[in-house]
């Protein structure tokens, strides 16, 4: 990224101000990036453990697979999913507060005895599935924020800060050269004037 500047004091002051702001901001952005990296790892671990739990629950129902064919799946529905928003490392994340289920009435006498247990197991499965969705959403949001923050850190560290430093160095060098030239030309004019005065006296 080319930094636009002019060879004067005003441009130098603007560049120095921008450089100082980026140097001061960089540690904050870096700490945000490491916090996001930690949260991403935590979210991945949570998803892995939820998937393990889901696998265990599904495999424990395998022995009842033949019975599930008799089960009326319309008996249980998710009525409402309650959620809140929490900020994690500056990112707004949906948090699962609870799930409300609606159970249709069924006859305990006309239905198989295991239907009540089946409802409980279905609720558990649904709960884990919904939790996993929330964690996936959390992971996606955190990953996106981490990538953006990493890009900003790289932009500051590898492009903008070195660019500003280089531009400031060029301006200072130019101004020093100009000052030296000005002094040299003043000396030449002065020595010429002195020589002319000496010749005039002679």
C-alpha atoms as a PDB file:
ATOM      1  CA  UNK A   1       0.000   0.000   0.000  1.00  0.00           C
ATOM      2  CA  UNK A   2       1.543   3.283  -1.125  1.00  0.00           C
ATOM      3  CA  UNK A   3       1.268   6.083   1.404  1.00  0.00           C
ATOM      4  CA  UNK A   4       0.575   9.489  -0.114  1.00  0.00           C
ATOM      5  CA  UNK A   5       2.635  12.311   1.304  1.00  0.00           C
ATOM      6  CA  UNK A   6       4.267  15.601   0.419  1.00  0.00           C
ATOM      7  CA  UNK A   7       7.737  16.782   1.279  1.00  0.00           C
ATOM      8  CA  UNK A   8       6.764  19.355   3.918  1.00  0.00           C
ATOM      9  CA  UNK A   9       6.326  19.734   7.701  1.00  0.00           C
ATOM     10  CA  UNK A  10       2.526  19.479   7.609  1.00  0.00           C
ATOM     11  CA  UNK A  11       2.643  16.139   5.807  1.00  0.00           C
ATOM     12  CA  UNK A  12       5.353  14.961   8.221  1.00  0.00           C
ATOM     13  CA  UNK A  13       3.170  15.832  11.247  1.00  0.00           C
ATOM     14  CA  UNK A  14       0.156  14.003   9.755  1.00  0.00           C
ATOM     15  CA  UNK A  15       2.252  10.903   9.059  1.00  0.00           C
ATOM     16  CA  UNK A  16       3.793  10.945  12.557  1.00  0.00           C
ATOM     17  CA  UNK A  17       0.320  11.248  14.108  1.00  0.00           C
ATOM     18  CA  UNK A  18      -0.988   8.304  12.007  1.00  0.00           C
ATOM     19  CA  UNK A  19       2.063   6.204  12.854  1.00  0.00           C
ATOM     20  CA  UNK A  20       1.760   6.910  16.588  1.00  0.00           C
ATOM     21  CA  UNK A  21      -1.943   5.949  16.514  1.00  0.00           C
ATOM     22  CA  UNK A  22      -1.211   2.625  14.777  1.00  0.00           C
ATOM     23  CA  UNK A  23       1.722   1.776  17.052  1.00  0.00           C
ATOM     24  CA  UNK A  24      -0.456   2.531  20.102  1.00  0.00           C
ATOM     25  CA  UNK A  25      -3.419   0.487  18.736  1.00  0.00           C
ATOM     26  CA  UNK A  26      -1.432  -2.566  17.598  1.00  0.00           C
ATOM     27  CA  UNK A  27      -1.028  -4.242  21.053  1.00  0.00           C
ATOM     28  CA  UNK A  28      -4.799  -3.948  21.659  1.00  0.00           C
ATOM     29  CA  UNK A  29      -5.604  -5.550  18.311  1.00  0.00           C
ATOM     30  CA  UNK A  30      -3.031  -8.295  18.968  1.00  0.00           C
ATOM     31  CA  UNK A  31      -4.545  -9.103  22.364  1.00  0.00           C
ATOM     32  CA  UNK A  32      -8.020  -9.197  20.762  1.00  0.00           C
ATOM     33  CA  UNK A  33      -6.675 -11.585  18.125  1.00  0.00           C
ATOM     34  CA  UNK A  34      -5.203 -13.945  20.747  1.00  0.00           C
ATOM     35  CA  UNK A  35      -8.443 -13.801  22.775  1.00  0.00           C
ATOM     36  CA  UNK A  36     -10.434 -14.675  19.635  1.00  0.00           C
ATOM     37  CA  UNK A  37      -8.013 -17.480  18.798  1.00  0.00           C
ATOM     38  CA  UNK A  38      -8.540 -18.929  22.296  1.00  0.00           C
ATOM     39  CA  UNK A  39     -12.343 -18.605  21.989  1.00  0.00           C
ATOM     40  CA  UNK A  40     -12.294 -20.325  18.568  1.00  0.00           C
ATOM     41  CA  UNK A  41     -10.349 -23.247  20.066  1.00  0.00           C
ATOM     42  CA  UNK A  42     -12.784 -23.425  22.985  1.00  0.00           C
ATOM     43  CA  UNK A  43     -15.800 -23.377  20.627  1.00  0.00           C
ATOM     44  CA  UNK A  44     -14.270 -26.183  18.518  1.00  0.00           C
ATOM     45  CA  UNK A  45     -13.705 -28.274  21.675  1.00  0.00           C
ATOM     46  CA  UNK A  46     -17.321 -27.656  22.773  1.00  0.00           C
ATOM     47  CA  UNK A  47     -18.642 -28.723  19.343  1.00  0.00           C
ATOM     48  CA  UNK A  48     -16.488 -31.868  19.449  1.00  0.00           C
ATOM     49  CA  UNK A  49     -17.811 -32.835  22.895  1.00  0.00           C
ATOM     50  CA  UNK A  50     -21.431 -32.144  21.808  1.00  0.00           C
ATOM     51  CA  UNK A  51     -20.936 -34.305  18.714  1.00  0.00           C
ATOM     52  CA  UNK A  52     -19.515 -37.093  20.898  1.00  0.00           C
ATOM     53  CA  UNK A  53     -22.530 -36.782  23.206  1.00  0.00           C
ATOM     54  CA  UNK A  54     -24.875 -36.896  20.216  1.00  0.00           C
ATOM     55  CA  UNK A  55     -23.113 -39.995  18.831  1.00  0.00           C
ATOM     56  CA  UNK A  56     -23.352 -41.731  22.227  1.00  0.00           C
ATOM     57  CA  UNK A  57     -27.054 -40.937  22.515  1.00  0.00           C
ATOM     58  CA  UNK A  58     -27.779 -42.110  18.973  1.00  0.00           C
ATOM     59  CA  UNK A  59     -25.825 -45.344  19.475  1.00  0.00           C
ATOM     60  CA  UNK A  60     -27.637 -45.997  22.766  1.00  0.00           C
ATOM     61  CA  UNK A  61     -30.942 -45.784  20.856  1.00  0.00           C
ATOM     62  CA  UNK A  62     -29.781 -48.291  18.232  1.00  0.00           C
ATOM     63  CA  UNK A  63     -30.968 -51.231  20.327  1.00  0.00           C
ATOM     64  CA  UNK A  64     -34.457 -49.684  20.313  1.00  0.00           C
ATOM     65  CA  UNK A  65     -34.374 -49.004  16.558  1.00  0.00           C
ATOM     66  CA  UNK A  66     -37.146 -51.461  15.760  1.00  0.00           C
ATOM     67  CA  UNK A  67     -39.409 -49.776  18.329  1.00  0.00           C
ATOM     68  CA  UNK A  68     -38.857 -46.261  16.930  1.00  0.00           C
ATOM     69  CA  UNK A  69     -40.859 -47.284  13.845  1.00  0.00           C
ATOM     70  CA  UNK A  70     -43.975 -47.370  16.079  1.00  0.00           C
ATOM     71  CA  UNK A  71     -43.255 -43.971  17.660  1.00  0.00           C
ATOM     72  CA  UNK A  72     -45.444 -41.028  16.670  1.00  0.00           C
ATOM     73  CA  UNK A  73     -42.911 -38.270  15.924  1.00  0.00           C
ATOM     74  CA  UNK A  74     -45.638 -35.595  15.873  1.00  0.00           C
ATOM     75  CA  UNK A  75     -46.003 -35.944  19.665  1.00  0.00           C
ATOM     76  CA  UNK A  76     -43.044 -33.658  20.300  1.00  0.00           C
ATOM     77  CA  UNK A  77     -42.336 -30.275  18.728  1.00  0.00           C
ATOM     78  CA  UNK A  78     -39.971 -27.460  19.528  1.00  0.00           C
ATOM     79  CA  UNK A  79     -42.217 -24.576  20.555  1.00  0.00           C
ATOM     80  CA  UNK A  80     -39.616 -21.883  21.221  1.00  0.00           C
ATOM     81  CA  UNK A  81     -35.873 -21.423  21.435  1.00  0.00           C
ATOM     82  CA  UNK A  82     -34.894 -18.768  23.947  1.00  0.00           C
ATOM     83  CA  UNK A  83     -31.605 -16.995  23.363  1.00  0.00           C
ATOM     84  CA  UNK A  84     -29.634 -13.984  24.438  1.00  0.00           C
ATOM     85  CA  UNK A  85     -26.668 -12.121  23.010  1.00  0.00           C
ATOM     86  CA  UNK A  86     -23.310 -12.064  24.752  1.00  0.00           C
ATOM     87  CA  UNK A  87     -20.172 -10.218  23.729  1.00  0.00           C
ATOM     88  CA  UNK A  88     -17.089 -12.418  23.575  1.00  0.00           C
ATOM     89  CA  UNK A  89     -13.859 -10.562  22.712  1.00  0.00           C
ATOM     90  CA  UNK A  90     -15.963  -7.785  21.195  1.00  0.00           C
ATOM     91  CA  UNK A  91     -18.079 -10.144  19.032  1.00  0.00           C
ATOM     92  CA  UNK A  92     -21.847 -10.474  19.537  1.00  0.00           C
ATOM     93  CA  UNK A  93     -22.607 -14.186  19.992  1.00  0.00           C
ATOM     94  CA  UNK A  94     -26.041 -15.841  20.347  1.00  0.00           C
ATOM     95  CA  UNK A  95     -26.305 -17.843  23.583  1.00  0.00           C
ATOM     96  CA  UNK A  96     -28.888 -20.590  24.080  1.00  0.00           C
ATOM     97  CA  UNK A  97     -30.963 -19.836  27.173  1.00  0.00           C
ATOM     98  CA  UNK A  98     -33.421 -22.694  26.868  1.00  0.00           C
ATOM     99  CA  UNK A  99     -35.716 -24.697  24.618  1.00  0.00           C
ATOM    100  CA  UNK A 100     -39.470 -24.987  25.097  1.00  0.00           C
ATOM    101  CA  UNK A 101     -41.092 -28.157  23.841  1.00  0.00           C
ATOM    102  CA  UNK A 102     -44.715 -28.834  23.110  1.00  0.00           C
ATOM    103  CA  UNK A 103     -45.910 -32.344  23.801  1.00  0.00           C
ATOM    104  CA  UNK A 104     -49.196 -33.459  22.280  1.00  0.00           C
ATOM    105  CA  UNK A 105     -51.354 -35.470  24.648  1.00  0.00           C
ATOM    106  CA  UNK A 106     -51.353 -39.221  24.075  1.00  0.00           C
ATOM    107  CA  UNK A 107     -53.065 -42.115  25.770  1.00  0.00           C
ATOM    108  CA  UNK A 108     -50.829 -43.946  28.215  1.00  0.00           C
ATOM    109  CA  UNK A 109     -53.144 -46.971  27.970  1.00  0.00           C
ATOM    110  CA  UNK A 110     -53.317 -47.226  24.155  1.00  0.00           C
ATOM    111  CA  UNK A 111     -49.651 -46.358  23.516  1.00  0.00           C
ATOM    112  CA  UNK A 112     -46.659 -48.589  24.194  1.00  0.00           C
ATOM    113  CA  UNK A 113     -45.227 -48.229  27.708  1.00  0.00           C
ATOM    114  CA  UNK A 114     -41.916 -46.893  26.444  1.00  0.00           C
ATOM    115  CA  UNK A 115     -43.474 -43.809  24.709  1.00  0.00           C
ATOM    116  CA  UNK A 116     -42.891 -41.615  27.804  1.00  0.00           C
ATOM    117  CA  UNK A 117     -39.206 -42.608  27.867  1.00  0.00           C
ATOM    118  CA  UNK A 118     -39.080 -42.099  24.089  1.00  0.00           C
ATOM    119  CA  UNK A 119     -40.266 -38.505  24.515  1.00  0.00           C
ATOM    120  CA  UNK A 120     -37.571 -37.840  27.107  1.00  0.00           C
ATOM    121  CA  UNK A 121     -34.902 -39.321  24.837  1.00  0.00           C
ATOM    122  CA  UNK A 122     -36.153 -37.303  21.867  1.00  0.00           C
ATOM    123  CA  UNK A 123     -35.992 -34.109  23.950  1.00  0.00           C
ATOM    124  CA  UNK A 124     -32.394 -34.920  24.912  1.00  0.00           C
ATOM    125  CA  UNK A 125     -31.459 -35.516  21.263  1.00  0.00           C
ATOM    126  CA  UNK A 126     -33.165 -32.294  20.147  1.00  0.00           C
ATOM    127  CA  UNK A 127     -31.473 -30.361  22.962  1.00  0.00           C
ATOM    128  CA  UNK A 128     -27.992 -31.536  21.951  1.00  0.00           C
ATOM    129  CA  UNK A 129     -28.749 -30.872  18.267  1.00  0.00           C
ATOM    130  CA  UNK A 130     -29.927 -27.320  18.990  1.00  0.00           C
ATOM    131  CA  UNK A 131     -26.934 -26.660  21.275  1.00  0.00           C
ATOM    132  CA  UNK A 132     -24.611 -27.868  18.516  1.00  0.00           C
ATOM    133  CA  UNK A 133     -26.242 -25.425  16.061  1.00  0.00           C
ATOM    134  CA  UNK A 134     -25.651 -22.566  18.489  1.00  0.00           C
ATOM    135  CA  UNK A 135     -22.013 -23.567  18.949  1.00  0.00           C
ATOM    136  CA  UNK A 136     -21.552 -23.821  15.157  1.00  0.00           C
ATOM    137  CA  UNK A 137     -22.977 -20.315  14.791  1.00  0.00           C
ATOM    138  CA  UNK A 138     -20.702 -19.094  17.591  1.00  0.00           C
ATOM    139  CA  UNK A 139     -17.688 -20.720  15.911  1.00  0.00           C
ATOM    140  CA  UNK A 140     -18.505 -19.139  12.523  1.00  0.00           C
ATOM    141  CA  UNK A 141     -18.864 -15.659  14.043  1.00  0.00           C
ATOM    142  CA  UNK A 142     -15.663 -16.008  16.084  1.00  0.00           C
ATOM    143  CA  UNK A 143     -13.704 -17.407  13.104  1.00  0.00           C
ATOM    144  CA  UNK A 144     -14.847 -14.501  10.921  1.00  0.00           C
ATOM    145  CA  UNK A 145     -13.885 -11.931  13.567  1.00  0.00           C
ATOM    146  CA  UNK A 146     -10.515 -13.632  14.138  1.00  0.00           C
ATOM    147  CA  UNK A 147      -9.696 -13.588  10.413  1.00  0.00           C
ATOM    148  CA  UNK A 148     -10.617  -9.884  10.175  1.00  0.00           C
ATOM    149  CA  UNK A 149      -8.513  -9.084  13.254  1.00  0.00           C
ATOM    150  CA  UNK A 150      -5.533 -11.085  11.921  1.00  0.00           C
ATOM    151  CA  UNK A 151      -5.797  -9.184   8.638  1.00  0.00           C
ATOM    152  CA  UNK A 152      -5.775  -5.896  10.551  1.00  0.00           C
ATOM    153  CA  UNK A 153      -2.743  -6.947  12.611  1.00  0.00           C
ATOM    154  CA  UNK A 154      -0.896  -7.923   9.415  1.00  0.00           C
ATOM    155  CA  UNK A 155      -1.930  -4.691   7.697  1.00  0.00           C
ATOM    156  CA  UNK A 156      -0.615  -2.606  10.600  1.00  0.00           C
ATOM    157  CA  UNK A 157       2.542  -4.670  11.240  1.00  0.00           C
ATOM    158  CA  UNK A 158       3.655  -5.515   7.713  1.00  0.00           C
ATOM    159  CA  UNK A 159       2.282  -2.674   5.591  1.00  0.00           C
ATOM    160  CA  UNK A 160       1.146   0.520   7.277  1.00  0.00           C
ATOM    161  CA  UNK A 161       3.659   0.961  10.124  1.00  0.00           C
ATOM    162  CA  UNK A 162       6.714   0.223   7.896  1.00  0.00           C
ATOM    163  CA  UNK A 163       5.146   2.399   5.156  1.00  0.00           C
ATOM    164  CA  UNK A 164       4.664   5.360   7.483  1.00  0.00           C
ATOM    165  CA  UNK A 165       8.167   4.941   8.929  1.00  0.00           C
ATOM    166  CA  UNK A 166       9.643   4.888   5.425  1.00  0.00           C
ATOM    167  CA  UNK A 167       7.662   7.971   4.327  1.00  0.00           C
ATOM    168  CA  UNK A 168       8.694   9.873   7.481  1.00  0.00           C
ATOM    169  CA  UNK A 169      12.349   8.913   6.869  1.00  0.00           C
ATOM    170  CA  UNK A 170      12.123  10.182   3.250  1.00  0.00           C
ATOM    171  CA  UNK A 171      10.554  13.502   4.287  1.00  0.00           C
ATOM    172  CA  UNK A 172      13.141  14.056   7.050  1.00  0.00           C
ATOM    173  CA  UNK A 173      15.985  13.240   4.655  1.00  0.00           C
ATOM    174  CA  UNK A 174      14.549  15.591   2.029  1.00  0.00           C
ATOM    175  CA  UNK A 175      14.137  18.390   4.583  1.00  0.00           C
ATOM    176  CA  UNK A 176      17.701  17.858   5.861  1.00  0.00           C
ATOM    177  CA  UNK A 177      19.050  17.937   2.294  1.00  0.00           C
ATOM    178  CA  UNK A 178      17.081  21.117   1.619  1.00  0.00           C
ATOM    179  CA  UNK A 179      18.431  22.697   4.801  1.00  0.00           C
ATOM    180  CA  UNK A 180      22.016  21.709   3.902  1.00  0.00           C
ATOM    181  CA  UNK A 181      21.580  23.095   0.387  1.00  0.00           C
ATOM    182  CA  UNK A 182      20.166  26.306   1.799  1.00  0.00           C
ATOM    183  CA  UNK A 183      23.129  26.663   4.183  1.00  0.00           C
ATOM    184  CA  UNK A 184      25.601  25.901   1.385  1.00  0.00           C
ATOM    185  CA  UNK A 185      24.024  28.443  -0.942  1.00  0.00           C
ATOM    186  CA  UNK A 186      24.057  31.046   1.862  1.00  0.00           C
ATOM    187  CA  UNK A 187      27.771  30.390   2.397  1.00  0.00           C
ATOM    188  CA  UNK A 188      28.456  30.739  -1.339  1.00  0.00           C
ATOM    189  CA  UNK A 189      26.502  34.013  -1.522  1.00  0.00           C
ATOM    190  CA  UNK A 190      28.267  35.306   1.594  1.00  0.00           C
ATOM    191  CA  UNK A 191      31.743  34.393   0.320  1.00  0.00           C
ATOM    192  CA  UNK A 192      30.944  35.949  -3.100  1.00  0.00           C
ATOM    193  CA  UNK A 193      29.751  39.143  -1.421  1.00  0.00           C
ATOM    194  CA  UNK A 194      32.904  39.272   0.711  1.00  0.00           C
ATOM    195  CA  UNK A 195      35.097  38.728  -2.357  1.00  0.00           C
ATOM    196  CA  UNK A 196      33.296  41.503  -4.255  1.00  0.00           C
ATOM    197  CA  UNK A 197      33.679  43.854  -1.303  1.00  0.00           C
ATOM    198  CA  UNK A 198      37.391  43.087  -1.114  1.00  0.00           C
ATOM    199  CA  UNK A 199      37.789  43.663  -4.853  1.00  0.00           C
ATOM    200  CA  UNK A 200      35.836  46.935  -4.546  1.00  0.00           C
ATOM    201  CA  UNK A 201      38.163  48.139  -1.805  1.00  0.00           C
ATOM    202  CA  UNK A 202      41.224  47.221  -3.837  1.00  0.00           C
END
